[in-house]
Amino acid sequence: MPPPSSHPHLPLLADSVRLDTDGVHLLDRRVFPFEHHWVRARTVEEVATAIEQMVTQSSGPYFAVLGGMVLAAREAAGEPDARAHLRAAAERLIATRPTNDQPRKAVAWVLDEVDRGAADVATAALTGARAGEADYRGRCAEMGRAAARLLPQRARVLTHCWGDLYLLGMVEAALEAGKRPSFVCTETRPYLQGARLTAESLAEMGVQATLVTDAMPASLMRSGQVDALVTASDRVSMDGHVINKIGTLQLATAARAFDVPFHALCHAPDPDSPTGADVPIEYRDGSEVLHALGQRTAGPRVRGLYPAFDVTDPALVTTVVTDRGAFAPEAVADYWRCG
């Protein structure tokens, strides 16, 4: 059994990675909501494998990496060079999701605390992980408030994939402001995160959620049934390119064609990614698109191709919404000047 939730008022997926004395417990998002199955990762390698195998996604890897670094610190106890062990663990965990820059940030929280010179590496790592979690949740809340201000009173919001705490923060802030948004969720092939994760969590929050296939949104926008497209982002480059779940580009293109604003939620533009071309795009095993919920959907002679993310040009983005407010995509570098 996983340790008890520290955030019982939130949807289950908002607290789906929990660190305990016996390892990191991860709610298996591959089978949610049909099963509430928790996977226990007892080592750094097991955490990394769980991330790679999509046990946890979106914000989940950030919290899993924080927990994995604590496990690494426990493993390093008594070793002559504990910091070398931690840095090796950091490299392994960062490599699990090369497109998303959040694992790198999670690692930095732990390593920075350890590098302050604390004698007890495990205690320092835990302190860093807790600070990293608090910072992340705080930023999501601020980002949510900034995004909610952009929505009309009864906004019909189209979203893609699973925006996790980014999206939930926006919904919570909108409800607190007296707004009554409703959502159209793309199913998001091949893992159906929109169908299983987004729609379910919105329903938990008492928000109306309508599911559509990935091919329907342009038609809905054209007929005036969408007021805003809102997605999370795995990374935003310094020149305003938005890197997110594959399919975001085509939604943004349709939104521009039918005058629907596109708001991309982002903690901060990545200073190490000057342009969208500088962001590595993860290609997953093409066989994953040949299946849905464990069932093969294509014939035995068909091959699959699965670029897991795409890059949306700044010209297709209305605003990049951060914990420091909303920025035009061409002005996201100002984020680092207003802190």
C-alpha atoms as a PDB file:
ATOM      1  CA  MET A   1       0.000   0.000   0.000  1.00  0.00           C
ATOM      2  CA  PRO A   2       1.239   3.546  -0.740  1.00  0.00           C
ATOM      3  CA  PRO A   3       1.787   6.013   2.089  1.00  0.00           C
ATOM      4  CA  PRO A   4      -1.213   8.250   2.834  1.00  0.00           C
ATOM      5  CA  SER A   5      -1.819  11.309   0.684  1.00  0.00           C
ATOM      6  CA  SER A   6      -0.452  14.663   1.791  1.00  0.00           C
ATOM      7  CA  HIS A   7      -3.076  16.407  -0.375  1.00  0.00           C
ATOM      8  CA  PRO A   8      -6.387  14.615   0.258  1.00  0.00           C
ATOM      9  CA  HIS A   9      -8.512  17.448  -1.164  1.00  0.00           C
ATOM     10  CA  LEU A  10      -6.980  17.144  -4.646  1.00  0.00           C
ATOM     11  CA  PRO A  11      -7.831  14.659  -7.429  1.00  0.00           C
ATOM     12  CA  LEU A  12      -5.966  11.410  -6.987  1.00  0.00           C
ATOM     13  CA  LEU A  13      -3.587  12.041  -9.881  1.00  0.00           C
ATOM     14  CA  ALA A  14      -2.367  15.252  -8.244  1.00  0.00           C
ATOM     15  CA  ASP A  15      -0.681  13.155  -5.568  1.00  0.00           C
ATOM     16  CA  SER A  16       0.245  10.033  -7.476  1.00  0.00           C
ATOM     17  CA  VAL A  17       3.962   9.792  -6.613  1.00  0.00           C
ATOM     18  CA  ARG A  18       4.784   9.281  -2.944  1.00  0.00           C
ATOM     19  CA  LEU A  19       8.131   8.741  -1.247  1.00  0.00           C
ATOM     20  CA  ASP A  20       8.287   6.434   1.755  1.00  0.00           C
ATOM     21  CA  THR A  21      10.919   4.534   3.703  1.00  0.00           C
ATOM     22  CA  ASP A  22      10.513   1.472   1.460  1.00  0.00           C
ATOM     23  CA  GLY A  23      10.803   3.269  -1.878  1.00  0.00           C
ATOM     24  CA  VAL A  24       8.927   5.496  -4.297  1.00  0.00           C
ATOM     25  CA  HIS A  25       5.276   4.545  -4.833  1.00  0.00           C
ATOM     26  CA  LEU A  26       3.805   5.451  -8.226  1.00  0.00           C
ATOM     27  CA  LEU A  27       0.153   5.219  -9.184  1.00  0.00           C
ATOM     28  CA  ASP A  28       0.183   3.317 -12.479  1.00  0.00           C
ATOM     29  CA  ARG A  29      -1.279   5.782 -14.964  1.00  0.00           C
ATOM     30  CA  ARG A  30      -1.303   3.134 -17.704  1.00  0.00           C
ATOM     31  CA  VAL A  31      -4.319   1.433 -16.109  1.00  0.00           C
ATOM     32  CA  PHE A  32      -5.976   4.391 -14.344  1.00  0.00           C
ATOM     33  CA  PRO A  33      -8.929   4.932 -13.763  1.00  0.00           C
ATOM     34  CA  PHE A  34      -9.955   1.315 -14.296  1.00  0.00           C
ATOM     35  CA  GLU A  35      -7.469   0.158 -11.652  1.00  0.00           C
ATOM     36  CA  HIS A  36      -5.825   1.999  -8.784  1.00  0.00           C
ATOM     37  CA  HIS A  37      -2.588   0.040  -8.892  1.00  0.00           C
ATOM     38  CA  TRP A  38       0.557   1.349  -7.205  1.00  0.00           C
ATOM     39  CA  VAL A  39       4.035   0.379  -8.389  1.00  0.00           C
ATOM     40  CA  ARG A  40       6.792   0.412  -5.771  1.00  0.00           C
ATOM     41  CA  ALA A  41      10.245   1.408  -7.040  1.00  0.00           C
ATOM     42  CA  ARG A  42      12.929   0.469  -4.522  1.00  0.00           C
ATOM     43  CA  THR A  43      16.005   1.620  -6.440  1.00  0.00           C
ATOM     44  CA  VAL A  44      17.031   4.417  -8.781  1.00  0.00           C
ATOM     45  CA  GLU A  45      16.986   1.995 -11.696  1.00  0.00           C
ATOM     46  CA  GLU A  46      13.435   0.903 -10.874  1.00  0.00           C
ATOM     47  CA  VAL A  47      12.336   4.553 -10.736  1.00  0.00           C
ATOM     48  CA  ALA A  48      13.978   5.229 -14.107  1.00  0.00           C
ATOM     49  CA  THR A  49      12.404   2.156 -15.669  1.00  0.00           C
ATOM     50  CA  ALA A  50       8.970   3.127 -14.349  1.00  0.00           C
ATOM     51  CA  ILE A  51       9.280   6.551 -15.973  1.00  0.00           C
ATOM     52  CA  GLU A  52      10.442   5.057 -19.287  1.00  0.00           C
ATOM     53  CA  GLN A  53       7.609   2.537 -19.270  1.00  0.00           C
ATOM     54  CA  MET A  54       5.015   5.313 -18.767  1.00  0.00           C
ATOM     55  CA  VAL A  55       3.948   4.228 -15.288  1.00  0.00           C
ATOM     56  CA  THR A  56       3.979   7.952 -14.547  1.00  0.00           C
ATOM     57  CA  GLN A  57       3.742  10.850 -16.997  1.00  0.00           C
ATOM     58  CA  SER A  58       3.418  14.643 -17.258  1.00  0.00           C
ATOM     59  CA  SER A  59       4.344  16.078 -13.835  1.00  0.00           C
ATOM     60  CA  GLY A  60       4.783  12.583 -12.416  1.00  0.00           C
ATOM     61  CA  PRO A  61       8.398  12.136 -13.574  1.00  0.00           C
ATOM     62  CA  TYR A  62       9.392  15.351 -11.775  1.00  0.00           C
ATOM     63  CA  PHE A  63       8.203  13.961  -8.440  1.00  0.00           C
ATOM     64  CA  ALA A  64       9.539  10.499  -9.270  1.00  0.00           C
ATOM     65  CA  VAL A  65      12.988  11.963  -9.946  1.00  0.00           C
ATOM     66  CA  LEU A  66      12.925  13.831  -6.629  1.00  0.00           C
ATOM     67  CA  GLY A  67      12.136  10.542  -4.903  1.00  0.00           C
ATOM     68  CA  GLY A  68      14.684   8.652  -6.980  1.00  0.00           C
ATOM     69  CA  MET A  69      17.413  11.040  -5.917  1.00  0.00           C
ATOM     70  CA  VAL A  70      16.516  10.436  -2.272  1.00  0.00           C
ATOM     71  CA  LEU A  71      16.813   6.701  -2.896  1.00  0.00           C
ATOM     72  CA  ALA A  72      20.198   7.324  -4.495  1.00  0.00           C
ATOM     73  CA  ALA A  73      21.313   9.247  -1.408  1.00  0.00           C
ATOM     74  CA  ARG A  74      20.215   6.370   0.819  1.00  0.00           C
ATOM     75  CA  GLU A  75      22.119   3.941  -1.405  1.00  0.00           C
ATOM     76  CA  ALA A  76      25.212   6.147  -1.197  1.00  0.00           C
ATOM     77  CA  ALA A  77      25.309   6.168   2.587  1.00  0.00           C
ATOM     78  CA  GLY A  78      28.751   5.068   3.697  1.00  0.00           C
ATOM     79  CA  GLU A  79      30.305   5.182   0.218  1.00  0.00           C
ATOM     80  CA  PRO A  80      33.618   7.055  -0.068  1.00  0.00           C
ATOM     81  CA  ASP A  81      32.276   9.302  -2.840  1.00  0.00           C
ATOM     82  CA  ALA A  82      28.557   9.691  -2.255  1.00  0.00           C
ATOM     83  CA  ARG A  83      28.289  12.701  -4.549  1.00  0.00           C
ATOM     84  CA  ALA A  84      29.671  10.738  -7.503  1.00  0.00           C
ATOM     85  CA  HIS A  85      26.967   8.131  -6.871  1.00  0.00           C
ATOM     86  CA  LEU A  86      24.324  10.868  -6.823  1.00  0.00           C
ATOM     87  CA  ARG A  87      25.552  12.405 -10.052  1.00  0.00           C
ATOM     88  CA  ALA A  88      25.433   9.030 -11.801  1.00  0.00           C
ATOM     89  CA  ALA A  89      21.860   8.596 -10.562  1.00  0.00           C
ATOM     90  CA  ALA A  90      21.026  12.092 -11.795  1.00  0.00           C
ATOM     91  CA  GLU A  91      22.269  11.312 -15.301  1.00  0.00           C
ATOM     92  CA  ARG A  92      20.209   8.129 -15.424  1.00  0.00           C
ATOM     93  CA  LEU A  93      17.029   9.856 -14.259  1.00  0.00           C
ATOM     94  CA  ILE A  94      17.371  12.884 -16.541  1.00  0.00           C
ATOM     95  CA  ALA A  95      17.826  10.586 -19.547  1.00  0.00           C
ATOM     96  CA  THR A  96      14.409   8.985 -18.995  1.00  0.00           C
ATOM     97  CA  ARG A  97      12.524  11.919 -20.582  1.00  0.00           C
ATOM     98  CA  PRO A  98      14.953  13.888 -22.770  1.00  0.00           C
ATOM     99  CA  THR A  99      12.350  16.317 -24.159  1.00  0.00           C
ATOM    100  CA  ASN A 100      10.982  17.471 -20.816  1.00  0.00           C
ATOM    101  CA  ASP A 101      13.252  19.760 -18.791  1.00  0.00           C
ATOM    102  CA  GLN A 102      11.557  19.118 -15.423  1.00  0.00           C
ATOM    103  CA  PRO A 103      13.631  16.027 -14.438  1.00  0.00           C
ATOM    104  CA  ARG A 104      16.763  18.155 -14.752  1.00  0.00           C
ATOM    105  CA  LYS A 105      15.230  20.764 -12.441  1.00  0.00           C
ATOM    106  CA  ALA A 106      14.244  18.090  -9.919  1.00  0.00           C
ATOM    107  CA  VAL A 107      17.790  16.750  -9.844  1.00  0.00           C
ATOM    108  CA  ALA A 108      19.142  20.259  -9.273  1.00  0.00           C
ATOM    109  CA  TRP A 109      17.037  20.723  -6.134  1.00  0.00           C
ATOM    110  CA  VAL A 110      18.611  17.663  -4.542  1.00  0.00           C
ATOM    111  CA  LEU A 111      22.186  18.149  -5.744  1.00  0.00           C
ATOM    112  CA  ASP A 112      22.230  21.805  -4.735  1.00  0.00           C
ATOM    113  CA  GLU A 113      21.179  20.909  -1.201  1.00  0.00           C
ATOM    114  CA  VAL A 114      23.759  18.122  -0.985  1.00  0.00           C
ATOM    115  CA  ASP A 115      26.468  20.397  -2.375  1.00  0.00           C
ATOM    116  CA  ARG A 116      25.907  22.836   0.456  1.00  0.00           C
ATOM    117  CA  GLY A 117      28.159  20.495   2.406  1.00  0.00           C
ATOM    118  CA  ALA A 118      25.794  18.714   4.765  1.00  0.00           C
ATOM    119  CA  ALA A 119      27.500  15.730   6.334  1.00  0.00           C
ATOM    120  CA  ASP A 120      24.392  13.552   6.135  1.00  0.00           C
ATOM    121  CA  VAL A 121      23.806  13.157   2.404  1.00  0.00           C
ATOM    122  CA  ALA A 122      20.499  11.309   2.816  1.00  0.00           C
ATOM    123  CA  THR A 123      19.053  14.026   5.057  1.00  0.00           C
ATOM    124  CA  ALA A 124      20.220  16.750   2.678  1.00  0.00           C
ATOM    125  CA  ALA A 125      18.690  14.939  -0.292  1.00  0.00           C
ATOM    126  CA  LEU A 126      15.350  14.618   1.484  1.00  0.00           C
ATOM    127  CA  THR A 127      15.420  18.321   2.379  1.00  0.00           C
ATOM    128  CA  GLY A 128      16.122  19.207  -1.240  1.00  0.00           C
ATOM    129  CA  ALA A 129      13.369  16.922  -2.516  1.00  0.00           C
ATOM    130  CA  ARG A 130      10.801  18.412  -0.163  1.00  0.00           C
ATOM    131  CA  ALA A 131      11.808  21.924  -1.171  1.00  0.00           C
ATOM    132  CA  GLY A 132      11.592  20.938  -4.842  1.00  0.00           C
ATOM    133  CA  GLU A 133       8.089  19.577  -4.410  1.00  0.00           C
ATOM    134  CA  ALA A 134       6.888  22.650  -2.512  1.00  0.00           C
ATOM    135  CA  ASP A 135       8.366  24.945  -5.165  1.00  0.00           C
ATOM    136  CA  TYR A 136       6.746  23.000  -7.998  1.00  0.00           C
ATOM    137  CA  ARG A 137       3.311  22.977  -6.408  1.00  0.00           C
ATOM    138  CA  GLY A 138       3.592  26.675  -5.578  1.00  0.00           C
ATOM    139  CA  ARG A 139       4.549  27.555  -9.140  1.00  0.00           C
ATOM    140  CA  CYS A 140       1.640  25.526 -10.495  1.00  0.00           C
ATOM    141  CA  ALA A 141      -0.781  27.408  -8.261  1.00  0.00           C
ATOM    142  CA  GLU A 142       0.580  30.778  -9.412  1.00  0.00           C
ATOM    143  CA  MET A 143       0.519  29.659 -13.038  1.00  0.00           C
ATOM    144  CA  GLY A 144      -3.051  28.471 -12.588  1.00  0.00           C
ATOM    145  CA  ARG A 145      -4.154  31.850 -11.291  1.00  0.00           C
ATOM    146  CA  ALA A 146      -2.487  33.614 -14.234  1.00  0.00           C
ATOM    147  CA  ALA A 147      -4.149  31.246 -16.715  1.00  0.00           C
ATOM    148  CA  ALA A 148      -7.596  31.504 -15.106  1.00  0.00           C
ATOM    149  CA  ARG A 149      -7.556  35.264 -15.615  1.00  0.00           C
ATOM    150  CA  LEU A 150      -7.369  34.687 -19.382  1.00  0.00           C
ATOM    151  CA  LEU A 151     -10.557  32.607 -19.508  1.00  0.00           C
ATOM    152  CA  PRO A 152     -14.038  34.055 -20.074  1.00  0.00           C
ATOM    153  CA  GLN A 153     -16.703  33.462 -17.430  1.00  0.00           C
ATOM    154  CA  ARG A 154     -18.102  30.286 -18.951  1.00  0.00           C
ATOM    155  CA  ALA A 155     -15.147  29.258 -21.077  1.00  0.00           C
ATOM    156  CA  ARG A 156     -15.335  26.195 -23.271  1.00  0.00           C
ATOM    157  CA  VAL A 157     -11.741  24.996 -23.102  1.00  0.00           C
ATOM    158  CA  LEU A 158     -10.113  22.493 -25.415  1.00  0.00           C
ATOM    159  CA  THR A 159      -7.170  20.665 -23.865  1.00  0.00           C
ATOM    160  CA  HIS A 160      -4.806  17.995 -25.112  1.00  0.00           C
ATOM    161  CA  CYS A 161      -3.133  15.139 -23.260  1.00  0.00           C
ATOM    162  CA  TRP A 162      -2.803  15.426 -19.474  1.00  0.00           C
ATOM    163  CA  GLY A 163      -1.730  18.808 -18.109  1.00  0.00           C
ATOM    164  CA  ASP A 164      -1.453  17.494 -14.541  1.00  0.00           C
ATOM    165  CA  LEU A 165      -0.925  20.153 -11.851  1.00  0.00           C
ATOM    166  CA  TYR A 166      -0.654  22.835 -14.519  1.00  0.00           C
ATOM    167  CA  LEU A 167      -4.226  22.213 -15.641  1.00  0.00           C
ATOM    168  CA  LEU A 168      -5.607  21.472 -12.176  1.00  0.00           C
ATOM    169  CA  GLY A 169      -4.176  24.715 -10.833  1.00  0.00           C
ATOM    170  CA  MET A 170      -5.966  26.657 -13.551  1.00  0.00           C
ATOM    171  CA  VAL A 171      -9.269  24.908 -12.897  1.00  0.00           C
ATOM    172  CA  GLU A 172      -9.004  25.432  -9.146  1.00  0.00           C
ATOM    173  CA  ALA A 173      -8.253  29.135  -9.625  1.00  0.00           C
ATOM    174  CA  ALA A 174     -11.087  29.578 -12.124  1.00  0.00           C
ATOM    175  CA  LEU A 175     -13.598  27.977  -9.763  1.00  0.00           C
ATOM    176  CA  GLU A 176     -12.376  30.108  -6.859  1.00  0.00           C
ATOM    177  CA  ALA A 177     -12.909  33.197  -9.050  1.00  0.00           C
ATOM    178  CA  GLY A 178     -16.522  32.189  -9.671  1.00  0.00           C
ATOM    179  CA  LYS A 179     -15.937  31.098 -13.258  1.00  0.00           C
ATOM    180  CA  ARG A 180     -17.587  27.991 -14.645  1.00  0.00           C
ATOM    181  CA  PRO A 181     -15.381  26.488 -17.324  1.00  0.00           C
ATOM    182  CA  SER A 182     -16.207  23.327 -19.236  1.00  0.00           C
ATOM    183  CA  PHE A 183     -13.711  21.214 -21.096  1.00  0.00           C
ATOM    184  CA  VAL A 184     -13.362  19.304 -24.319  1.00  0.00           C
ATOM    185  CA  CYS A 185     -10.623  16.687 -23.913  1.00  0.00           C
ATOM    186  CA  THR A 186      -8.886  14.979 -26.792  1.00  0.00           C
ATOM    187  CA  GLU A 187      -8.486  11.266 -26.164  1.00  0.00           C
ATOM    188  CA  THR A 188      -4.729  11.547 -26.949  1.00  0.00           C
ATOM    189  CA  ARG A 189      -3.495   8.427 -28.681  1.00  0.00           C
ATOM    190  CA  PRO A 190      -1.757   6.099 -28.128  1.00  0.00           C
ATOM    191  CA  TYR A 191      -1.975   6.104 -24.314  1.00  0.00           C
ATOM    192  CA  LEU A 192      -5.339   7.878 -24.114  1.00  0.00           C
ATOM    193  CA  GLN A 193      -4.183  10.255 -21.389  1.00  0.00           C
ATOM    194  CA  GLY A 194      -6.916  12.731 -22.241  1.00  0.00           C
ATOM    195  CA  ALA A 195      -9.609  10.106 -21.941  1.00  0.00           C
ATOM    196  CA  ARG A 196      -8.321   8.359 -18.840  1.00  0.00           C
ATOM    197  CA  LEU A 197      -6.429  11.033 -16.910  1.00  0.00           C
ATOM    198  CA  THR A 198      -7.652  14.515 -17.875  1.00  0.00           C
ATOM    199  CA  ALA A 199     -11.356  13.836 -18.187  1.00  0.00           C
ATOM    200  CA  GLU A 200     -11.405  11.721 -15.026  1.00  0.00           C
ATOM    201  CA  SER A 201      -9.595  14.345 -12.936  1.00  0.00           C
ATOM    202  CA  LEU A 202     -11.827  17.150 -14.197  1.00  0.00           C
ATOM    203  CA  ALA A 203     -14.850  15.047 -13.263  1.00  0.00           C
ATOM    204  CA  GLU A 204     -13.365  14.584  -9.782  1.00  0.00           C
ATOM    205  CA  MET A 205     -13.282  18.385  -9.500  1.00  0.00           C
ATOM    206  CA  GLY A 206     -16.923  18.683 -10.528  1.00  0.00           C
ATOM    207  CA  VAL A 207     -16.132  20.211 -13.916  1.00  0.00           C
ATOM    208  CA  GLN A 208     -17.962  19.196 -17.088  1.00  0.00           C
ATOM    209  CA  ALA A 209     -15.656  17.249 -19.401  1.00  0.00           C
ATOM    210  CA  THR A 210     -16.553  16.069 -22.901  1.00  0.00           C
ATOM    211  CA  LEU A 211     -14.324  13.563 -24.655  1.00  0.00           C
ATOM    212  CA  VAL A 212     -13.574  13.742 -28.380  1.00  0.00           C
ATOM    213  CA  THR A 213     -11.244  11.818 -30.655  1.00  0.00           C
ATOM    214  CA  ASP A 214      -8.025  13.476 -31.758  1.00  0.00           C
ATOM    215  CA  ALA A 215      -9.506  14.184 -35.201  1.00  0.00           C
ATOM    216  CA  MET A 216     -12.500  16.271 -34.049  1.00  0.00           C
ATOM    217  CA  PRO A 217     -11.181  19.576 -32.584  1.00  0.00           C
ATOM    218  CA  ALA A 218     -10.735  21.561 -35.820  1.00  0.00           C
ATOM    219  CA  SER A 219     -14.360  20.990 -36.707  1.00  0.00           C
ATOM    220  CA  LEU A 220     -15.455  22.059 -33.224  1.00  0.00           C
ATOM    221  CA  MET A 221     -13.374  25.227 -33.452  1.00  0.00           C
ATOM    222  CA  ARG A 222     -14.812  26.066 -36.841  1.00  0.00           C
ATOM    223  CA  SER A 223     -18.360  25.735 -35.507  1.00  0.00           C
ATOM    224  CA  GLY A 224     -17.616  28.051 -32.574  1.00  0.00           C
ATOM    225  CA  GLN A 225     -17.734  25.419 -29.830  1.00  0.00           C
ATOM    226  CA  VAL A 226     -14.297  26.241 -28.360  1.00  0.00           C
ATOM    227  CA  ASP A 227     -13.307  29.507 -26.651  1.00  0.00           C
ATOM    228  CA  ALA A 228      -9.674  28.659 -25.876  1.00  0.00           C
ATOM    229  CA  LEU A 229      -7.069  25.964 -26.430  1.00  0.00           C
ATOM    230  CA  VAL A 230      -5.055  25.377 -23.253  1.00  0.00           C
ATOM    231  CA  THR A 231      -2.257  22.842 -22.899  1.00  0.00           C
ATOM    232  CA  ALA A 232       0.693  22.230 -20.653  1.00  0.00           C
ATOM    233  CA  SER A 233       4.175  22.143 -22.187  1.00  0.00           C
ATOM    234  CA  ASP A 234       7.145  19.871 -21.756  1.00  0.00           C
ATOM    235  CA  ARG A 235       9.474  22.725 -22.589  1.00  0.00           C
ATOM    236  CA  VAL A 236       9.365  26.256 -24.019  1.00  0.00           C
ATOM    237  CA  SER A 237      12.431  27.599 -25.799  1.00  0.00           C
ATOM    238  CA  MET A 238      13.730  31.112 -25.294  1.00  0.00           C
ATOM    239  CA  ASP A 239      12.347  32.195 -28.658  1.00  0.00           C
ATOM    240  CA  GLY A 240       8.824  31.026 -27.786  1.00  0.00           C
ATOM    241  CA  HIS A 241       8.550  27.600 -29.402  1.00  0.00           C
ATOM    242  CA  VAL A 242       6.248  25.313 -27.404  1.00  0.00           C
ATOM    243  CA  ILE A 243       7.250  21.662 -27.154  1.00  0.00           C
ATOM    244  CA  ASN A 244       4.445  19.411 -25.999  1.00  0.00           C
ATOM    245  CA  LYS A 245       2.678  16.116 -26.602  1.00  0.00           C
ATOM    246  CA  ILE A 246       2.480  15.158 -30.273  1.00  0.00           C
ATOM    247  CA  GLY A 247      -0.695  16.629 -31.738  1.00  0.00           C
ATOM    248  CA  THR A 248      -0.319  20.045 -30.124  1.00  0.00           C
ATOM    249  CA  LEU A 249       1.010  21.511 -33.374  1.00  0.00           C
ATOM    250  CA  GLN A 250      -2.052  20.540 -35.388  1.00  0.00           C
ATOM    251  CA  LEU A 251      -4.387  21.870 -32.687  1.00  0.00           C
ATOM    252  CA  ALA A 252      -2.506  25.167 -32.579  1.00  0.00           C
ATOM    253  CA  THR A 253      -2.662  25.408 -36.371  1.00  0.00           C
ATOM    254  CA  ALA A 254      -6.423  24.894 -36.323  1.00  0.00           C
ATOM    255  CA  ALA A 255      -6.815  27.362 -33.458  1.00  0.00           C
ATOM    256  CA  ARG A 256      -5.000  30.057 -35.446  1.00  0.00           C
ATOM    257  CA  ALA A 257      -7.141  29.319 -38.515  1.00  0.00           C
ATOM    258  CA  PHE A 258     -10.380  29.752 -36.559  1.00  0.00           C
ATOM    259  CA  ASP A 259      -9.321  32.621 -34.247  1.00  0.00           C
ATOM    260  CA  VAL A 260      -9.202  30.555 -31.056  1.00  0.00           C
ATOM    261  CA  PRO A 261      -6.509  31.713 -28.594  1.00  0.00           C
ATOM    262  CA  PHE A 262      -3.870  29.160 -27.613  1.00  0.00           C
ATOM    263  CA  HIS A 263      -2.485  29.485 -24.093  1.00  0.00           C
ATOM    264  CA  ALA A 264       0.504  27.237 -23.279  1.00  0.00           C
ATOM    265  CA  LEU A 265       1.234  26.676 -19.580  1.00  0.00           C
ATOM    266  CA  CYS A 266       4.890  26.630 -18.625  1.00  0.00           C
ATOM    267  CA  HIS A 267       6.829  27.032 -15.378  1.00  0.00           C
ATOM    268  CA  ALA A 268       9.570  28.947 -17.177  1.00  0.00           C
ATOM    269  CA  PRO A 269      11.204  29.096 -20.609  1.00  0.00           C
ATOM    270  CA  ASP A 270      14.327  26.971 -20.701  1.00  0.00           C
ATOM    271  CA  PRO A 271      17.467  29.142 -20.783  1.00  0.00           C
ATOM    272  CA  ASP A 272      19.433  26.193 -22.177  1.00  0.00           C
ATOM    273  CA  SER A 273      17.164  25.967 -25.243  1.00  0.00           C
ATOM    274  CA  PRO A 274      17.620  29.107 -27.388  1.00  0.00           C
ATOM    275  CA  THR A 275      15.286  27.788 -30.117  1.00  0.00           C
ATOM    276  CA  GLY A 276      12.860  24.955 -30.668  1.00  0.00           C
ATOM    277  CA  ALA A 277      15.496  23.208 -32.767  1.00  0.00           C
ATOM    278  CA  ASP A 278      17.673  22.890 -29.660  1.00  0.00           C
ATOM    279  CA  VAL A 279      15.156  20.621 -27.889  1.00  0.00           C
ATOM    280  CA  PRO A 280      15.643  16.864 -28.386  1.00  0.00           C
ATOM    281  CA  ILE A 281      12.445  15.110 -29.459  1.00  0.00           C
ATOM    282  CA  GLU A 282      11.900  11.725 -27.885  1.00  0.00           C
ATOM    283  CA  TYR A 283      10.960   8.941 -30.299  1.00  0.00           C
ATOM    284  CA  ARG A 284       9.298   6.021 -28.588  1.00  0.00           C
ATOM    285  CA  ASP A 285       8.923   2.486 -29.891  1.00  0.00           C
ATOM    286  CA  GLY A 286       6.672   2.635 -32.950  1.00  0.00           C
ATOM    287  CA  SER A 287       4.861  -0.503 -31.827  1.00  0.00           C
ATOM    288  CA  GLU A 288       3.146   1.598 -29.148  1.00  0.00           C
ATOM    289  CA  VAL A 289       0.898   3.269 -31.735  1.00  0.00           C
ATOM    290  CA  LEU A 290      -0.208  -0.164 -32.971  1.00  0.00           C
ATOM    291  CA  HIS A 291      -1.978  -0.788 -29.665  1.00  0.00           C
ATOM    292  CA  ALA A 292      -4.653   0.809 -27.496  1.00  0.00           C
ATOM    293  CA  LEU A 293      -5.180  -0.242 -23.870  1.00  0.00           C
ATOM    294  CA  GLY A 294      -3.143  -3.374 -24.468  1.00  0.00           C
ATOM    295  CA  GLN A 295      -5.032  -4.453 -27.600  1.00  0.00           C
ATOM    296  CA  ARG A 296      -3.447  -4.410 -31.035  1.00  0.00           C
ATOM    297  CA  THR A 297      -5.349  -2.130 -33.413  1.00  0.00           C
ATOM    298  CA  ALA A 298      -3.363  -2.735 -36.635  1.00  0.00           C
ATOM    299  CA  GLY A 299      -2.591  -5.777 -38.705  1.00  0.00           C
ATOM    300  CA  PRO A 300       0.574  -7.836 -38.266  1.00  0.00           C
ATOM    301  CA  ARG A 301       2.298  -6.410 -41.368  1.00  0.00           C
ATOM    302  CA  VAL A 302       1.905  -2.753 -40.342  1.00  0.00           C
ATOM    303  CA  ARG A 303       4.703  -0.775 -38.725  1.00  0.00           C
ATOM    304  CA  GLY A 304       4.290   2.213 -36.410  1.00  0.00           C
ATOM    305  CA  LEU A 305       6.053   5.552 -35.952  1.00  0.00           C
ATOM    306  CA  TYR A 306       5.891   7.461 -32.677  1.00  0.00           C
ATOM    307  CA  PRO A 307       7.513  10.864 -32.231  1.00  0.00           C
ATOM    308  CA  ALA A 308       6.177  11.547 -28.729  1.00  0.00           C
ATOM    309  CA  PHE A 309       6.345  15.361 -28.937  1.00  0.00           C
ATOM    310  CA  ASP A 310       6.111  18.127 -31.508  1.00  0.00           C
ATOM    311  CA  VAL A 311       7.267  21.738 -31.752  1.00  0.00           C
ATOM    312  CA  THR A 312       4.726  24.541 -32.166  1.00  0.00           C
ATOM    313  CA  ASP A 313       5.951  27.780 -33.711  1.00  0.00           C
ATOM    314  CA  PRO A 314       5.603  31.031 -31.746  1.00  0.00           C
ATOM    315  CA  ALA A 315       3.343  32.471 -34.460  1.00  0.00           C
ATOM    316  CA  LEU A 316       0.723  29.871 -33.499  1.00  0.00           C
ATOM    317  CA  VAL A 317       0.864  30.629 -29.754  1.00  0.00           C
ATOM    318  CA  THR A 318      -1.173  33.427 -28.190  1.00  0.00           C
ATOM    319  CA  THR A 319       0.384  33.419 -24.723  1.00  0.00           C
ATOM    320  CA  VAL A 320       2.870  31.437 -22.670  1.00  0.00           C
ATOM    321  CA  VAL A 321       1.499  31.388 -19.120  1.00  0.00           C
ATOM    322  CA  THR A 322       4.007  31.107 -16.272  1.00  0.00           C
ATOM    323  CA  ASP A 323       4.062  31.526 -12.512  1.00  0.00           C
ATOM    324  CA  ARG A 324       5.165  35.126 -13.190  1.00  0.00           C
ATOM    325  CA  GLY A 325       2.229  35.874 -15.467  1.00  0.00           C
ATOM    326  CA  ALA A 326       1.412  35.594 -19.158  1.00  0.00           C
ATOM    327  CA  PHE A 327       3.882  36.505 -21.887  1.00  0.00           C
ATOM    328  CA  ALA A 328       3.630  36.844 -25.624  1.00  0.00           C
ATOM    329  CA  PRO A 329       5.736  34.025 -27.105  1.00  0.00           C
ATOM    330  CA  GLU A 330       8.240  36.460 -28.594  1.00  0.00           C
ATOM    331  CA  ALA A 331       8.716  37.998 -25.139  1.00  0.00           C
ATOM    332  CA  VAL A 332       9.189  34.892 -22.986  1.00  0.00           C
ATOM    333  CA  ALA A 333      12.813  35.834 -22.298  1.00  0.00           C
ATOM    334  CA  ASP A 334      11.368  38.644 -20.148  1.00  0.00           C
ATOM    335  CA  TYR A 335      10.433  35.953 -17.642  1.00  0.00           C
ATOM    336  CA  TRP A 336      14.024  35.915 -16.436  1.00  0.00           C
ATOM    337  CA  ARG A 337      14.074  39.700 -16.060  1.00  0.00           C
ATOM    338  CA  CYS A 338      10.992  40.052 -13.867  1.00  0.00           C
ATOM    339  CA  GLY A 339      11.867  37.683 -11.013  1.00  0.00           C
END
